[in-house]
């Protein structure tokens, strides 16, 4: 039981830290800071969302992509519109077509997309 409690507490602490970046603005650009105020992602994006499920939507050259909590581009800037991840999926629009992207938990570099009409 103690081991289970310790594992659960570790997960909660890790998950909270991964989600705790705060968006800030500087010279009309968006960046992200950690809870201590340290800049993690330099302000270089036209716009940005809060983080959800480990990703934030950011806008660059009028296209949307997703960054992870380390500031790395996890999903490239190819979407005309995008929603935040919920239950592992995010709704996106590309070339006038809507679909869902699924960033698999095991391999966040692996993204599949289904676009409809």
C-alpha atoms as a PDB file:
ATOM      1  CA  UNK A   1       0.000   0.000   0.000  1.00  0.00           C
ATOM      2  CA  UNK A   2       2.844   2.406   0.785  1.00  0.00           C
ATOM      3  CA  UNK A   3       4.420   1.655  -2.581  1.00  0.00           C
ATOM      4  CA  UNK A   4       1.143   2.352  -4.380  1.00  0.00           C
ATOM      5  CA  UNK A   5       0.741   5.646  -2.515  1.00  0.00           C
ATOM      6  CA  UNK A   6       4.309   6.635  -3.348  1.00  0.00           C
ATOM      7  CA  UNK A   7       3.827   5.803  -7.036  1.00  0.00           C
ATOM      8  CA  UNK A   8       0.579   7.756  -7.168  1.00  0.00           C
ATOM      9  CA  UNK A   9       2.167  10.756  -5.456  1.00  0.00           C
ATOM     10  CA  UNK A  10       5.123  10.633  -7.863  1.00  0.00           C
ATOM     11  CA  UNK A  11       2.759  10.585 -10.833  1.00  0.00           C
ATOM     12  CA  UNK A  12       0.768  13.546  -9.510  1.00  0.00           C
ATOM     13  CA  UNK A  13       3.918  15.590  -8.834  1.00  0.00           C
ATOM     14  CA  UNK A  14       5.400  14.787 -12.268  1.00  0.00           C
ATOM     15  CA  UNK A  15       2.122  15.474 -14.051  1.00  0.00           C
ATOM     16  CA  UNK A  16       1.654  18.768 -12.211  1.00  0.00           C
ATOM     17  CA  UNK A  17       5.187  19.920 -13.066  1.00  0.00           C
ATOM     18  CA  UNK A  18       4.766  18.967 -16.712  1.00  0.00           C
ATOM     19  CA  UNK A  19       1.549  21.001 -16.930  1.00  0.00           C
ATOM     20  CA  UNK A  20       2.654  23.987 -14.849  1.00  0.00           C
ATOM     21  CA  UNK A  21       4.207  26.200 -17.520  1.00  0.00           C
ATOM     22  CA  UNK A  22       2.689  29.660 -17.640  1.00  0.00           C
ATOM     23  CA  UNK A  23       2.255  31.625 -20.839  1.00  0.00           C
ATOM     24  CA  UNK A  24       3.761  35.123 -20.969  1.00  0.00           C
ATOM     25  CA  UNK A  25       4.022  37.880 -23.548  1.00  0.00           C
ATOM     26  CA  UNK A  26       7.047  39.929 -24.524  1.00  0.00           C
ATOM     27  CA  UNK A  27       7.326  42.238 -27.533  1.00  0.00           C
ATOM     28  CA  UNK A  28       4.032  40.878 -28.929  1.00  0.00           C
ATOM     29  CA  UNK A  29       5.322  37.275 -28.814  1.00  0.00           C
ATOM     30  CA  UNK A  30       4.320  34.337 -26.592  1.00  0.00           C
ATOM     31  CA  UNK A  31       6.673  32.246 -24.480  1.00  0.00           C
ATOM     32  CA  UNK A  32       6.369  30.018 -21.393  1.00  0.00           C
ATOM     33  CA  UNK A  33       7.845  30.145 -17.890  1.00  0.00           C
ATOM     34  CA  UNK A  34       7.970  27.530 -15.162  1.00  0.00           C
ATOM     35  CA  UNK A  35       6.492  28.038 -11.685  1.00  0.00           C
ATOM     36  CA  UNK A  36       9.757  29.672 -10.520  1.00  0.00           C
ATOM     37  CA  UNK A  37       9.620  32.270 -13.292  1.00  0.00           C
ATOM     38  CA  UNK A  38      12.410  30.704 -15.369  1.00  0.00           C
ATOM     39  CA  UNK A  39      11.894  31.020 -19.118  1.00  0.00           C
ATOM     40  CA  UNK A  40      11.488  27.527 -20.576  1.00  0.00           C
ATOM     41  CA  UNK A  41      10.227  28.553 -24.027  1.00  0.00           C
ATOM     42  CA  UNK A  42      11.550  31.831 -25.406  1.00  0.00           C
ATOM     43  CA  UNK A  43       8.841  34.259 -26.601  1.00  0.00           C
ATOM     44  CA  UNK A  44       8.917  33.530 -30.318  1.00  0.00           C
ATOM     45  CA  UNK A  45       5.337  32.568 -31.200  1.00  0.00           C
ATOM     46  CA  UNK A  46       2.517  34.754 -32.524  1.00  0.00           C
ATOM     47  CA  UNK A  47       0.051  33.152 -30.088  1.00  0.00           C
ATOM     48  CA  UNK A  48      -0.102  30.223 -27.695  1.00  0.00           C
ATOM     49  CA  UNK A  49      -2.535  28.246 -25.565  1.00  0.00           C
ATOM     50  CA  UNK A  50      -2.243  26.760 -22.112  1.00  0.00           C
ATOM     51  CA  UNK A  51      -0.833  23.245 -21.856  1.00  0.00           C
ATOM     52  CA  UNK A  52      -3.167  20.284 -21.806  1.00  0.00           C
ATOM     53  CA  UNK A  53      -2.118  16.645 -21.822  1.00  0.00           C
ATOM     54  CA  UNK A  54       1.495  17.737 -22.265  1.00  0.00           C
ATOM     55  CA  UNK A  55       0.984  19.978 -25.306  1.00  0.00           C
ATOM     56  CA  UNK A  56       0.262  23.628 -26.071  1.00  0.00           C
ATOM     57  CA  UNK A  57      -0.932  24.955 -29.404  1.00  0.00           C
ATOM     58  CA  UNK A  58       1.345  27.657 -30.780  1.00  0.00           C
ATOM     59  CA  UNK A  59       1.027  29.823 -33.869  1.00  0.00           C
ATOM     60  CA  UNK A  60       3.936  30.459 -36.208  1.00  0.00           C
ATOM     61  CA  UNK A  61       3.658  32.027 -39.676  1.00  0.00           C
ATOM     62  CA  UNK A  62      -0.160  31.760 -39.406  1.00  0.00           C
ATOM     63  CA  UNK A  63      -0.013  27.963 -38.955  1.00  0.00           C
ATOM     64  CA  UNK A  64      -0.680  26.007 -35.782  1.00  0.00           C
ATOM     65  CA  UNK A  65       1.473  23.292 -34.286  1.00  0.00           C
ATOM     66  CA  UNK A  66       2.043  21.818 -30.836  1.00  0.00           C
ATOM     67  CA  UNK A  67       4.980  22.104 -28.461  1.00  0.00           C
ATOM     68  CA  UNK A  68       5.724  19.905 -25.463  1.00  0.00           C
ATOM     69  CA  UNK A  69       6.575  21.112 -21.957  1.00  0.00           C
ATOM     70  CA  UNK A  70      10.276  21.267 -22.933  1.00  0.00           C
ATOM     71  CA  UNK A  71       9.477  23.717 -25.721  1.00  0.00           C
ATOM     72  CA  UNK A  72      10.203  21.201 -28.470  1.00  0.00           C
ATOM     73  CA  UNK A  73       7.965  21.140 -31.529  1.00  0.00           C
ATOM     74  CA  UNK A  74       6.078  17.888 -31.104  1.00  0.00           C
ATOM     75  CA  UNK A  75       3.596  18.319 -33.956  1.00  0.00           C
ATOM     76  CA  UNK A  76       4.631  20.524 -36.898  1.00  0.00           C
ATOM     77  CA  UNK A  77       3.086  23.845 -37.945  1.00  0.00           C
ATOM     78  CA  UNK A  78       0.805  22.608 -40.703  1.00  0.00           C
ATOM     79  CA  UNK A  79      -2.714  23.250 -39.355  1.00  0.00           C
ATOM     80  CA  UNK A  80      -5.010  26.170 -40.113  1.00  0.00           C
ATOM     81  CA  UNK A  81      -6.896  25.581 -36.856  1.00  0.00           C
ATOM     82  CA  UNK A  82      -6.509  23.264 -33.858  1.00  0.00           C
ATOM     83  CA  UNK A  83      -8.048  22.478 -30.487  1.00  0.00           C
ATOM     84  CA  UNK A  84      -6.359  21.402 -27.285  1.00  0.00           C
ATOM     85  CA  UNK A  85      -5.843  17.707 -26.629  1.00  0.00           C
ATOM     86  CA  UNK A  86      -8.581  15.940 -24.738  1.00  0.00           C
ATOM     87  CA  UNK A  87      -8.470  12.210 -24.048  1.00  0.00           C
ATOM     88  CA  UNK A  88      -5.408  11.913 -26.281  1.00  0.00           C
ATOM     89  CA  UNK A  89      -6.933  13.552 -29.368  1.00  0.00           C
ATOM     90  CA  UNK A  90      -7.084  17.061 -30.794  1.00  0.00           C
ATOM     91  CA  UNK A  91      -9.358  18.364 -33.535  1.00  0.00           C
ATOM     92  CA  UNK A  92      -7.516  20.095 -36.381  1.00  0.00           C
ATOM     93  CA  UNK A  93      -8.269  21.747 -39.712  1.00  0.00           C
ATOM     94  CA  UNK A  94      -5.929  21.526 -42.683  1.00  0.00           C
ATOM     95  CA  UNK A  95      -6.739  22.851 -46.165  1.00  0.00           C
ATOM     96  CA  UNK A  96     -10.416  23.282 -45.258  1.00  0.00           C
ATOM     97  CA  UNK A  97     -10.813  19.726 -43.965  1.00  0.00           C
ATOM     98  CA  UNK A  98     -11.384  18.802 -40.327  1.00  0.00           C
ATOM     99  CA  UNK A  99     -10.019  15.761 -38.582  1.00  0.00           C
ATOM    100  CA  UNK A 100      -8.411  14.424 -35.412  1.00  0.00           C
ATOM    101  CA  UNK A 101      -4.790  13.917 -34.527  1.00  0.00           C
ATOM    102  CA  UNK A 102      -3.802  11.302 -32.006  1.00  0.00           C
ATOM    103  CA  UNK A 103      -0.480  11.720 -30.263  1.00  0.00           C
ATOM    104  CA  UNK A 104       0.172   8.249 -28.941  1.00  0.00           C
ATOM    105  CA  UNK A 105       1.294   8.140 -25.330  1.00  0.00           C
ATOM    106  CA  UNK A 106       4.020   5.556 -25.992  1.00  0.00           C
ATOM    107  CA  UNK A 107       5.680   7.539 -28.769  1.00  0.00           C
ATOM    108  CA  UNK A 108       4.849  11.240 -28.875  1.00  0.00           C
ATOM    109  CA  UNK A 109       6.703  11.606 -32.192  1.00  0.00           C
ATOM    110  CA  UNK A 110       4.126   9.339 -33.779  1.00  0.00           C
ATOM    111  CA  UNK A 111       1.081  11.290 -34.894  1.00  0.00           C
ATOM    112  CA  UNK A 112      -1.715   9.965 -37.026  1.00  0.00           C
ATOM    113  CA  UNK A 113      -4.367  12.122 -38.633  1.00  0.00           C
ATOM    114  CA  UNK A 114      -7.704  11.423 -40.244  1.00  0.00           C
ATOM    115  CA  UNK A 115      -9.154  14.274 -42.254  1.00  0.00           C
ATOM    116  CA  UNK A 116     -12.731  14.213 -43.429  1.00  0.00           C
ATOM    117  CA  UNK A 117     -14.642  16.374 -45.838  1.00  0.00           C
END
